[in-house]
Structure formats: structure tokens, C-alpha cells
PDB file of all heavy atoms in Angstrom:
ATOM      1  N   ALA A   1     -13.494   3.486 -13.994  1.00  0.00           N
ATOM      2  CA  ALA A   1     -12.256   4.273 -13.888  1.00  0.00           C
ATOM      3  C   ALA A   1     -12.093   5.157 -15.121  1.00  0.00           C
ATOM      4  O   ALA A   1     -11.791   6.354 -15.006  1.00  0.00           O
ATOM      5  CB  ALA A   1     -11.050   3.353 -13.725  1.00  0.00           C
ATOM      6  N   TYR A   2     -12.312   4.591 -16.277  1.00  0.00           N
ATOM      7  CA  TYR A   2     -12.163   5.348 -17.527  1.00  0.00           C
ATOM      8  C   TYR A   2     -13.186   6.486 -17.601  1.00  0.00           C
ATOM      9  O   TYR A   2     -12.836   7.628 -17.875  1.00  0.00           O
ATOM     10  CB  TYR A   2     -12.325   4.406 -18.724  1.00  0.00           C
ATOM     11  CG  TYR A   2     -12.314   5.139 -20.041  1.00  0.00           C
ATOM     12  CD1 TYR A   2     -11.122   5.614 -20.578  1.00  0.00           C
ATOM     13  CD2 TYR A   2     -13.507   5.362 -20.728  1.00  0.00           C
ATOM     14  CE1 TYR A   2     -11.122   6.310 -21.780  1.00  0.00           C
ATOM     15  CE2 TYR A   2     -13.506   6.056 -21.923  1.00  0.00           C
ATOM     16  CZ  TYR A   2     -12.315   6.529 -22.446  1.00  0.00           C
ATOM     17  OH  TYR A   2     -12.318   7.212 -23.629  1.00  0.00           O
ATOM     18  N   LYS A   3     -14.442   6.185 -17.322  1.00  0.00           N
ATOM     19  CA  LYS A   3     -15.505   7.185 -17.435  1.00  0.00           C
ATOM     20  C   LYS A   3     -15.332   8.342 -16.456  1.00  0.00           C
ATOM     21  O   LYS A   3     -15.697   9.469 -16.747  1.00  0.00           O
ATOM     22  CB  LYS A   3     -16.882   6.545 -17.235  1.00  0.00           C
ATOM     23  CG  LYS A   3     -17.341   5.729 -18.426  1.00  0.00           C
ATOM     24  CD  LYS A   3     -18.724   5.176 -18.194  1.00  0.00           C
ATOM     25  CE  LYS A   3     -19.255   4.466 -19.392  1.00  0.00           C
ATOM     26  NZ  LYS A   3     -19.728   5.337 -20.443  1.00  0.00           N
ATOM     27  N   LEU A   4     -14.793   8.051 -15.257  1.00  0.00           N
ATOM     28  CA  LEU A   4     -14.633   9.097 -14.253  1.00  0.00           C
ATOM     29  C   LEU A   4     -13.254   9.753 -14.280  1.00  0.00           C
ATOM     30  O   LEU A   4     -12.917  10.530 -13.399  1.00  0.00           O
ATOM     31  CB  LEU A   4     -14.935   8.549 -12.856  1.00  0.00           C
ATOM     32  CG  LEU A   4     -16.413   8.267 -12.602  1.00  0.00           C
ATOM     33  CD1 LEU A   4     -16.618   7.634 -11.240  1.00  0.00           C
ATOM     34  CD2 LEU A   4     -17.243   9.526 -12.718  1.00  0.00           C
ATOM     35  N   GLY A   5     -12.465   9.442 -15.307  1.00  0.00           N
ATOM     36  CA  GLY A   5     -11.213  10.152 -15.511  1.00  0.00           C
ATOM     37  C   GLY A   5     -10.059   9.718 -14.636  1.00  0.00           C
ATOM     38  O   GLY A   5      -9.091  10.457 -14.472  1.00  0.00           O
ATOM     39  N   TYR A   6     -10.115   8.516 -14.076  1.00  0.00           N
ATOM     40  CA  TYR A   6      -8.981   8.012 -13.312  1.00  0.00           C
ATOM     41  C   TYR A   6      -7.901   7.555 -14.286  1.00  0.00           C
ATOM     42  O   TYR A   6      -8.208   7.020 -15.352  1.00  0.00           O
ATOM     43  CB  TYR A   6      -9.402   6.852 -12.405  1.00  0.00           C
ATOM     44  CG  TYR A   6     -10.182   7.305 -11.199  1.00  0.00           C
ATOM     45  CD1 TYR A   6     -11.569   7.290 -11.195  1.00  0.00           C
ATOM     46  CD2 TYR A   6      -9.526   7.751 -10.065  1.00  0.00           C
ATOM     47  CE1 TYR A   6     -12.288   7.717 -10.089  1.00  0.00           C
ATOM     48  CE2 TYR A   6     -10.232   8.170  -8.942  1.00  0.00           C
ATOM     49  CZ  TYR A   6     -11.611   8.156  -8.969  1.00  0.00           C
ATOM     50  OH  TYR A   6     -12.313   8.576  -7.869  1.00  0.00           O
ATOM     51  N   SER A   7      -6.648   7.724 -13.913  1.00  0.00           N
ATOM     52  CA  SER A   7      -5.541   7.344 -14.794  1.00  0.00           C
ATOM     53  C   SER A   7      -5.427   5.826 -14.937  1.00  0.00           C
ATOM     54  O   SER A   7      -4.900   5.335 -15.925  1.00  0.00           O
ATOM     55  CB  SER A   7      -4.226   7.932 -14.281  1.00  0.00           C
ATOM     56  OG  SER A   7      -3.980   7.497 -12.956  1.00  0.00           O
ATOM     57  N   SER A   8      -5.943   5.096 -13.941  1.00  0.00           N
ATOM     58  CA  SER A   8      -5.906   3.630 -13.985  1.00  0.00           C
ATOM     59  C   SER A   8      -6.911   3.070 -12.989  1.00  0.00           C
ATOM     60  O   SER A   8      -7.404   3.784 -12.117  1.00  0.00           O
ATOM     61  CB  SER A   8      -4.503   3.122 -13.621  1.00  0.00           C
ATOM     62  OG  SER A   8      -4.218   3.423 -12.269  1.00  0.00           O
ATOM     63  N   VAL A   9      -7.168   1.774 -13.114  1.00  0.00           N
ATOM     64  CA  VAL A   9      -8.041   1.094 -12.155  1.00  0.00           C
ATOM     65  C   VAL A   9      -7.380   1.126 -10.776  1.00  0.00           C
ATOM     66  O   VAL A   9      -8.062   1.305  -9.761  1.00  0.00           O
ATOM     67  CB  VAL A   9      -8.309  -0.371 -12.592  1.00  0.00           C
ATOM     68  CG1 VAL A   9      -9.064  -1.133 -11.514  1.00  0.00           C
ATOM     69  CG2 VAL A   9      -9.075  -0.407 -13.891  1.00  0.00           C
ATOM     70  N   GLN A  10      -6.064   0.990 -10.748  1.00  0.00           N
ATOM     71  CA  GLN A  10      -5.340   1.013  -9.479  1.00  0.00           C
ATOM     72  C   GLN A  10      -5.515   2.355  -8.775  1.00  0.00           C
ATOM     73  O   GLN A  10      -5.706   2.406  -7.560  1.00  0.00           O
ATOM     74  CB  GLN A  10      -3.846   0.711  -9.706  1.00  0.00           C
ATOM     75  CG  GLN A  10      -3.078   0.517  -8.426  1.00  0.00           C
ATOM     76  CD  GLN A  10      -3.613  -0.657  -7.603  1.00  0.00           C
ATOM     77  OE1 GLN A  10      -3.869  -1.742  -8.130  1.00  0.00           O
ATOM     78  NE2 GLN A  10      -3.785  -0.454  -6.315  1.00  0.00           N
ATOM     79  N   HIS A  11      -5.468   3.441  -9.540  1.00  0.00           N
ATOM     80  CA  HIS A  11      -5.663   4.782  -8.965  1.00  0.00           C
ATOM     81  C   HIS A  11      -7.055   4.885  -8.346  1.00  0.00           C
ATOM     82  O   HIS A  11      -7.214   5.340  -7.216  1.00  0.00           O
ATOM     83  CB  HIS A  11      -5.455   5.844 -10.048  1.00  0.00           C
ATOM     84  CG  HIS A  11      -5.574   7.240  -9.552  1.00  0.00           C
ATOM     85  ND1 HIS A  11      -6.061   8.258 -10.326  1.00  0.00           N
ATOM     86  CD2 HIS A  11      -5.309   7.813  -8.348  1.00  0.00           C
ATOM     87  CE1 HIS A  11      -6.078   9.376  -9.632  1.00  0.00           C
ATOM     88  NE2 HIS A  11      -5.634   9.135  -8.432  1.00  0.00           N
ATOM     89  N   LEU A  12      -8.066   4.442  -9.072  1.00  0.00           N
ATOM     90  CA  LEU A  12      -9.434   4.450  -8.543  1.00  0.00           C
ATOM     91  C   LEU A  12      -9.503   3.590  -7.283  1.00  0.00           C
ATOM     92  O   LEU A  12     -10.049   4.016  -6.263  1.00  0.00           O
ATOM     93  CB  LEU A  12     -10.423   3.936  -9.595  1.00  0.00           C
ATOM     94  CG  LEU A  12     -11.891   3.906  -9.178  1.00  0.00           C
ATOM     95  CD1 LEU A  12     -12.780   4.024 -10.398  1.00  0.00           C
ATOM     96  CD2 LEU A  12     -12.265   2.695  -8.387  1.00  0.00           C
ATOM     97  N   SER A  13      -8.956   2.395  -7.354  1.00  0.00           N
ATOM     98  CA  SER A  13      -9.016   1.460  -6.217  1.00  0.00           C
ATOM     99  C   SER A  13      -8.358   2.047  -4.978  1.00  0.00           C
ATOM    100  O   SER A  13      -8.896   1.943  -3.869  1.00  0.00           O
ATOM    101  CB  SER A  13      -8.344   0.133  -6.585  1.00  0.00           C
ATOM    102  OG  SER A  13      -9.043  -0.490  -7.642  1.00  0.00           O
ATOM    103  N   ASN A  14      -7.180   2.645  -5.159  1.00  0.00           N
ATOM    104  CA  ASN A  14      -6.474   3.248  -4.028  1.00  0.00           C
ATOM    105  C   ASN A  14      -7.285   4.394  -3.418  1.00  0.00           C
ATOM    106  O   ASN A  14      -7.406   4.494  -2.199  1.00  0.00           O
ATOM    107  CB  ASN A  14      -5.095   3.761  -4.454  1.00  0.00           C
ATOM    108  CG  ASN A  14      -4.140   2.638  -4.777  1.00  0.00           C
ATOM    109  OD1 ASN A  14      -4.340   1.483  -4.395  1.00  0.00           O
ATOM    110  ND2 ASN A  14      -3.085   2.953  -5.512  1.00  0.00           N
ATOM    111  N   GLN A  15      -7.825   5.254  -4.273  1.00  0.00           N
ATOM    112  CA  GLN A  15      -8.615   6.387  -3.783  1.00  0.00           C
ATOM    113  C   GLN A  15      -9.886   5.902  -3.095  1.00  0.00           C
ATOM    114  O   GLN A  15     -10.279   6.433  -2.053  1.00  0.00           O
ATOM    115  CB  GLN A  15      -8.966   7.307  -4.963  1.00  0.00           C
ATOM    116  CG  GLN A  15      -9.019   8.750  -4.595  1.00  0.00           C
ATOM    117  CD  GLN A  15      -9.141   9.625  -5.814  1.00  0.00           C
ATOM    118  OE1 GLN A  15     -10.130   9.537  -6.538  1.00  0.00           O
ATOM    119  NE2 GLN A  15      -8.151  10.472  -6.036  1.00  0.00           N
ATOM    120  N   PHE A  16     -10.512   4.899  -3.659  1.00  0.00           N
ATOM    121  CA  PHE A  16     -11.736   4.348  -3.088  1.00  0.00           C
ATOM    122  C   PHE A  16     -11.469   3.774  -1.698  1.00  0.00           C
ATOM    123  O   PHE A  16     -12.178   4.076  -0.746  1.00  0.00           O
ATOM    124  CB  PHE A  16     -12.311   3.270  -4.014  1.00  0.00           C
ATOM    125  CG  PHE A  16     -13.702   2.847  -3.657  1.00  0.00           C
ATOM    126  CD1 PHE A  16     -14.795   3.528  -4.153  1.00  0.00           C
ATOM    127  CD2 PHE A  16     -13.925   1.774  -2.801  1.00  0.00           C
ATOM    128  CE1 PHE A  16     -16.095   3.149  -3.814  1.00  0.00           C
ATOM    129  CE2 PHE A  16     -15.215   1.394  -2.457  1.00  0.00           C
ATOM    130  CZ  PHE A  16     -16.303   2.082  -2.968  1.00  0.00           C
ATOM    131  N   LYS A  17     -10.428   2.961  -1.585  1.00  0.00           N
ATOM    132  CA  LYS A  17     -10.104   2.335  -0.290  1.00  0.00           C
ATOM    133  C   LYS A  17      -9.713   3.391   0.738  1.00  0.00           C
ATOM    134  O   LYS A  17     -10.133   3.328   1.899  1.00  0.00           O
ATOM    135  CB  LYS A  17      -8.982   1.322  -0.453  1.00  0.00           C
ATOM    136  CG  LYS A  17      -8.581   0.711   0.874  1.00  0.00           C
ATOM    137  CD  LYS A  17      -8.339  -0.728   0.781  1.00  0.00           C
ATOM    138  CE  LYS A  17      -8.057  -1.221   2.193  1.00  0.00           C
ATOM    139  NZ  LYS A  17      -8.180  -2.583   2.350  1.00  0.00           N
ATOM    140  N   LYS A  18      -8.940   4.384   0.317  1.00  0.00           N
ATOM    141  CA  LYS A  18      -8.502   5.432   1.236  1.00  0.00           C
ATOM    142  C   LYS A  18      -9.694   6.205   1.805  1.00  0.00           C
ATOM    143  O   LYS A  18      -9.707   6.581   2.974  1.00  0.00           O
ATOM    144  CB  LYS A  18      -7.569   6.395   0.508  1.00  0.00           C
ATOM    145  CG  LYS A  18      -7.041   7.508   1.376  1.00  0.00           C
ATOM    146  CD  LYS A  18      -6.115   8.417   0.589  1.00  0.00           C
ATOM    147  CE  LYS A  18      -5.629   9.557   1.460  1.00  0.00           C
ATOM    148  NZ  LYS A  18      -4.803  10.495   0.718  1.00  0.00           N
ATOM    149  N   ASN A  19     -10.725   6.418   0.985  1.00  0.00           N
ATOM    150  CA  ASN A  19     -11.859   7.238   1.407  1.00  0.00           C
ATOM    151  C   ASN A  19     -13.027   6.458   1.995  1.00  0.00           C
ATOM    152  O   ASN A  19     -13.882   7.041   2.652  1.00  0.00           O
ATOM    153  CB  ASN A  19     -12.340   8.099   0.239  1.00  0.00           C
ATOM    154  CG  ASN A  19     -11.393   9.235  -0.042  1.00  0.00           C
ATOM    155  OD1 ASN A  19     -11.376  10.214   0.686  1.00  0.00           O
ATOM    156  ND2 ASN A  19     -10.563   9.100  -1.064  1.00  0.00           N
ATOM    157  N   THR A  20     -13.075   5.150   1.760  1.00  0.00           N
ATOM    158  CA  THR A  20     -14.190   4.373   2.288  1.00  0.00           C
ATOM    159  C   THR A  20     -13.761   3.317   3.303  1.00  0.00           C
ATOM    160  O   THR A  20     -14.594   2.804   4.050  1.00  0.00           O
ATOM    161  CB  THR A  20     -14.948   3.638   1.153  1.00  0.00           C
ATOM    162  OG1 THR A  20     -14.071   2.663   0.571  1.00  0.00           O
ATOM    163  CG2 THR A  20     -15.473   4.602   0.122  1.00  0.00           C
ATOM    164  N   GLY A  21     -12.471   2.956   3.278  1.00  0.00           N
ATOM    165  CA  GLY A  21     -11.987   1.910   4.182  1.00  0.00           C
ATOM    166  C   GLY A  21     -12.239   0.508   3.663  1.00  0.00           C
ATOM    167  O   GLY A  21     -11.985  -0.470   4.351  1.00  0.00           O
ATOM    168  N   MET A  22     -12.773   0.400   2.441  1.00  0.00           N
ATOM    169  CA  MET A  22     -13.008  -0.920   1.861  1.00  0.00           C
ATOM    170  C   MET A  22     -12.661  -0.896   0.378  1.00  0.00           C
ATOM    171  O   MET A  22     -12.592   0.166  -0.222  1.00  0.00           O
ATOM    172  CB  MET A  22     -14.454  -1.376   2.073  1.00  0.00           C
ATOM    173  CG  MET A  22     -15.506  -0.506   1.424  1.00  0.00           C
ATOM    174  SD  MET A  22     -17.204  -1.120   1.604  1.00  0.00           S
ATOM    175  CE  MET A  22     -17.516  -0.835   3.318  1.00  0.00           C
ATOM    176  N   THR A  23     -12.441  -2.065  -0.164  1.00  0.00           N
ATOM    177  CA  THR A  23     -12.162  -2.136  -1.593  1.00  0.00           C
ATOM    178  C   THR A  23     -13.471  -2.005  -2.368  1.00  0.00           C
ATOM    179  O   THR A  23     -14.560  -2.186  -1.805  1.00  0.00           O
ATOM    180  CB  THR A  23     -11.494  -3.475  -1.969  1.00  0.00           C
ATOM    181  OG1 THR A  23     -12.447  -4.526  -1.760  1.00  0.00           O
ATOM    182  CG2 THR A  23     -10.232  -3.722  -1.165  1.00  0.00           C
ATOM    183  N   ALA A  24     -13.339  -1.742  -3.657  1.00  0.00           N
ATOM    184  CA  ALA A  24     -14.527  -1.643  -4.509  1.00  0.00           C
ATOM    185  C   ALA A  24     -15.275  -2.981  -4.531  1.00  0.00           C
ATOM    186  O   ALA A  24     -16.508  -3.007  -4.525  1.00  0.00           O
ATOM    187  CB  ALA A  24     -14.131  -1.211  -5.915  1.00  0.00           C
ATOM    188  N   SER A  25     -14.535  -4.069  -4.540  1.00  0.00           N
ATOM    189  CA  SER A  25     -15.169  -5.405  -4.535  1.00  0.00           C
ATOM    190  C   SER A  25     -15.948  -5.634  -3.252  1.00  0.00           C
ATOM    191  O   SER A  25     -17.062  -6.162  -3.277  1.00  0.00           O
ATOM    192  CB  SER A  25     -14.110  -6.497  -4.685  1.00  0.00           C
ATOM    193  OG  SER A  25     -13.397  -6.325  -5.869  1.00  0.00           O
ATOM    194  N   GLN A  26     -15.354  -5.259  -2.122  1.00  0.00           N
ATOM    195  CA  GLN A  26     -16.062  -5.398  -0.840  1.00  0.00           C
ATOM    196  C   GLN A  26     -17.330  -4.549  -0.850  1.00  0.00           C
ATOM    197  O   GLN A  26     -18.383  -5.000  -0.399  1.00  0.00           O
ATOM    198  CB  GLN A  26     -15.166  -4.948   0.317  1.00  0.00           C
ATOM    199  CG  GLN A  26     -14.043  -5.876   0.645  1.00  0.00           C
ATOM    200  CD  GLN A  26     -13.075  -5.261   1.653  1.00  0.00           C
ATOM    201  OE1 GLN A  26     -12.783  -4.075   1.606  1.00  0.00           O
ATOM    202  NE2 GLN A  26     -12.578  -6.086   2.563  1.00  0.00           N
ATOM    203  N   PHE A  27     -17.208  -3.348  -1.362  1.00  0.00           N
ATOM    204  CA  PHE A  27     -18.368  -2.455  -1.401  1.00  0.00           C
ATOM    205  C   PHE A  27     -19.481  -3.058  -2.255  1.00  0.00           C
ATOM    206  O   PHE A  27     -20.648  -3.030  -1.876  1.00  0.00           O
ATOM    207  CB  PHE A  27     -17.997  -1.076  -1.960  1.00  0.00           C
ATOM    208  CG  PHE A  27     -19.179  -0.156  -2.066  1.00  0.00           C
ATOM    209  CD1 PHE A  27     -19.615   0.565  -0.966  1.00  0.00           C
ATOM    210  CD2 PHE A  27     -19.893  -0.044  -3.256  1.00  0.00           C
ATOM    211  CE1 PHE A  27     -20.721   1.383  -1.045  1.00  0.00           C
ATOM    212  CE2 PHE A  27     -21.003   0.775  -3.347  1.00  0.00           C
ATOM    213  CZ  PHE A  27     -21.418   1.488  -2.234  1.00  0.00           C
ATOM    214  N   ARG A  28     -19.119  -3.607  -3.395  1.00  0.00           N
ATOM    215  CA  ARG A  28     -20.111  -4.191  -4.306  1.00  0.00           C
ATOM    216  C   ARG A  28     -20.874  -5.326  -3.622  1.00  0.00           C
ATOM    217  O   ARG A  28     -22.060  -5.526  -3.872  1.00  0.00           O
ATOM    218  CB  ARG A  28     -19.401  -4.687  -5.560  1.00  0.00           C
ATOM    219  CG  ARG A  28     -20.301  -4.791  -6.756  1.00  0.00           C
ATOM    220  CD  ARG A  28     -19.538  -5.111  -8.006  1.00  0.00           C
ATOM    221  NE  ARG A  28     -19.829  -4.069  -9.003  1.00  0.00           N
ATOM    222  CZ  ARG A  28     -19.135  -3.851 -10.068  1.00  0.00           C
ATOM    223  NH1 ARG A  28     -18.070  -4.564 -10.339  1.00  0.00           N
ATOM    224  NH2 ARG A  28     -19.477  -2.906 -10.913  1.00  0.00           N
ATOM    225  N   LYS A  29     -20.204  -6.038  -2.729  1.00  0.00           N
ATOM    226  CA  LYS A  29     -20.830  -7.165  -2.026  1.00  0.00           C
ATOM    227  C   LYS A  29     -21.682  -6.739  -0.840  1.00  0.00           C
ATOM    228  O   LYS A  29     -22.563  -7.472  -0.414  1.00  0.00           O
ATOM    229  CB  LYS A  29     -19.756  -8.148  -1.552  1.00  0.00           C
ATOM    230  CG  LYS A  29     -19.074  -8.878  -2.686  1.00  0.00           C
ATOM    231  CD  LYS A  29     -17.945  -9.741  -2.170  1.00  0.00           C
ATOM    232  CE  LYS A  29     -17.153 -10.329  -3.325  1.00  0.00           C
ATOM    233  NZ  LYS A  29     -15.969 -11.034  -2.867  1.00  0.00           N
ATOM    234  N   GLU A  30     -21.395  -5.581  -0.259  1.00  0.00           N
ATOM    235  CA  GLU A  30     -22.130  -5.094   0.905  1.00  0.00           C
ATOM    236  C   GLU A  30     -23.544  -4.681   0.500  1.00  0.00           C
ATOM    237  O   GLU A  30     -23.737  -3.659  -0.122  1.00  0.00           O
ATOM    238  CB  GLU A  30     -21.426  -3.893   1.541  1.00  0.00           C
ATOM    239  CG  GLU A  30     -20.111  -4.206   2.191  1.00  0.00           C
ATOM    240  CD  GLU A  30     -20.265  -4.914   3.512  1.00  0.00           C
ATOM    241  OE1 GLU A  30     -21.237  -4.646   4.238  1.00  0.00           O
ATOM    242  OE2 GLU A  30     -19.404  -5.754   3.814  1.00  0.00           O
ATOM    243  N   SER A  31     -24.517  -5.457   0.858  1.00  0.00           N
ATOM    244  CA  SER A  31     -25.884  -5.151   0.434  1.00  0.00           C
ATOM    245  C   SER A  31     -26.571  -4.125   1.316  1.00  0.00           C
ATOM    246  O   SER A  31     -27.515  -3.469   0.900  1.00  0.00           O
ATOM    247  CB  SER A  31     -26.723  -6.430   0.390  1.00  0.00           C
ATOM    248  OG  SER A  31     -26.761  -7.010   1.677  1.00  0.00           O
ATOM    249  N   ASP A  32     -26.098  -3.973   2.548  1.00  0.00           N
ATOM    250  CA  ASP A  32     -26.803  -3.060   3.448  1.00  0.00           C
ATOM    251  C   ASP A  32     -26.116  -1.692   3.584  1.00  0.00           C
ATOM    252  O   ASP A  32     -26.526  -0.869   4.381  1.00  0.00           O
ATOM    253  CB  ASP A  32     -26.969  -3.689   4.832  1.00  0.00           C
ATOM    254  CG  ASP A  32     -25.632  -4.040   5.468  1.00  0.00           C
ATOM    255  OD1 ASP A  32     -24.606  -3.988   4.766  1.00  0.00           O
ATOM    256  OD2 ASP A  32     -25.630  -4.363   6.667  1.00  0.00           O
ATOM    257  N   TYR A  33     -25.073  -1.441   2.803  1.00  0.00           N
ATOM    258  CA  TYR A  33     -24.360  -0.165   2.899  1.00  0.00           C
ATOM    259  C   TYR A  33     -25.158   0.939   2.216  1.00  0.00           C
ATOM    260  O   TYR A  33     -25.597   0.786   1.090  1.00  0.00           O
ATOM    261  CB  TYR A  33     -22.974  -0.267   2.251  1.00  0.00           C
ATOM    262  CG  TYR A  33     -22.182   0.998   2.432  1.00  0.00           C
ATOM    263  CD1 TYR A  33     -21.465   1.230   3.602  1.00  0.00           C
ATOM    264  CD2 TYR A  33     -22.185   1.978   1.461  1.00  0.00           C
ATOM    265  CE1 TYR A  33     -20.760   2.391   3.774  1.00  0.00           C
ATOM    266  CE2 TYR A  33     -21.478   3.159   1.633  1.00  0.00           C
ATOM    267  CZ  TYR A  33     -20.768   3.350   2.779  1.00  0.00           C
ATOM    268  OH  TYR A  33     -20.084   4.523   2.955  1.00  0.00           O
ATOM    269  N   LEU A  34     -25.363   2.024   2.933  1.00  0.00           N
ATOM    270  CA  LEU A  34     -26.081   3.154   2.354  1.00  0.00           C
ATOM    271  C   LEU A  34     -25.096   4.186   1.847  1.00  0.00           C
ATOM    272  O   LEU A  34     -24.150   4.542   2.538  1.00  0.00           O
ATOM    273  CB  LEU A  34     -27.000   3.799   3.400  1.00  0.00           C
ATOM    274  CG  LEU A  34     -28.126   2.932   3.901  1.00  0.00           C
ATOM    275  CD1 LEU A  34     -28.865   3.639   5.026  1.00  0.00           C
ATOM    276  CD2 LEU A  34     -29.087   2.603   2.774  1.00  0.00           C
TER     277      LEU A  34
END
């Protein structure tokens, strides 16, 4: 979040979920996602 200029982890998380349909944690666990 800091490196990519997000104002907070929550801001990154919200944007990530809105655009991918999953949380960052879920994405990290998905081994077959391209």
C-alpha cells in the first residue's frame, strides 16, 4: 500500500476487492489464478 501510493491498507483493500471480487488475502491463497 505504501509503495503504490495508497493512503491506507484499507484503501488498497477496498479498491482491490472492488476490482477483483476477492480480498488480497484470498488472492494470495489462490494458486491457480492467472
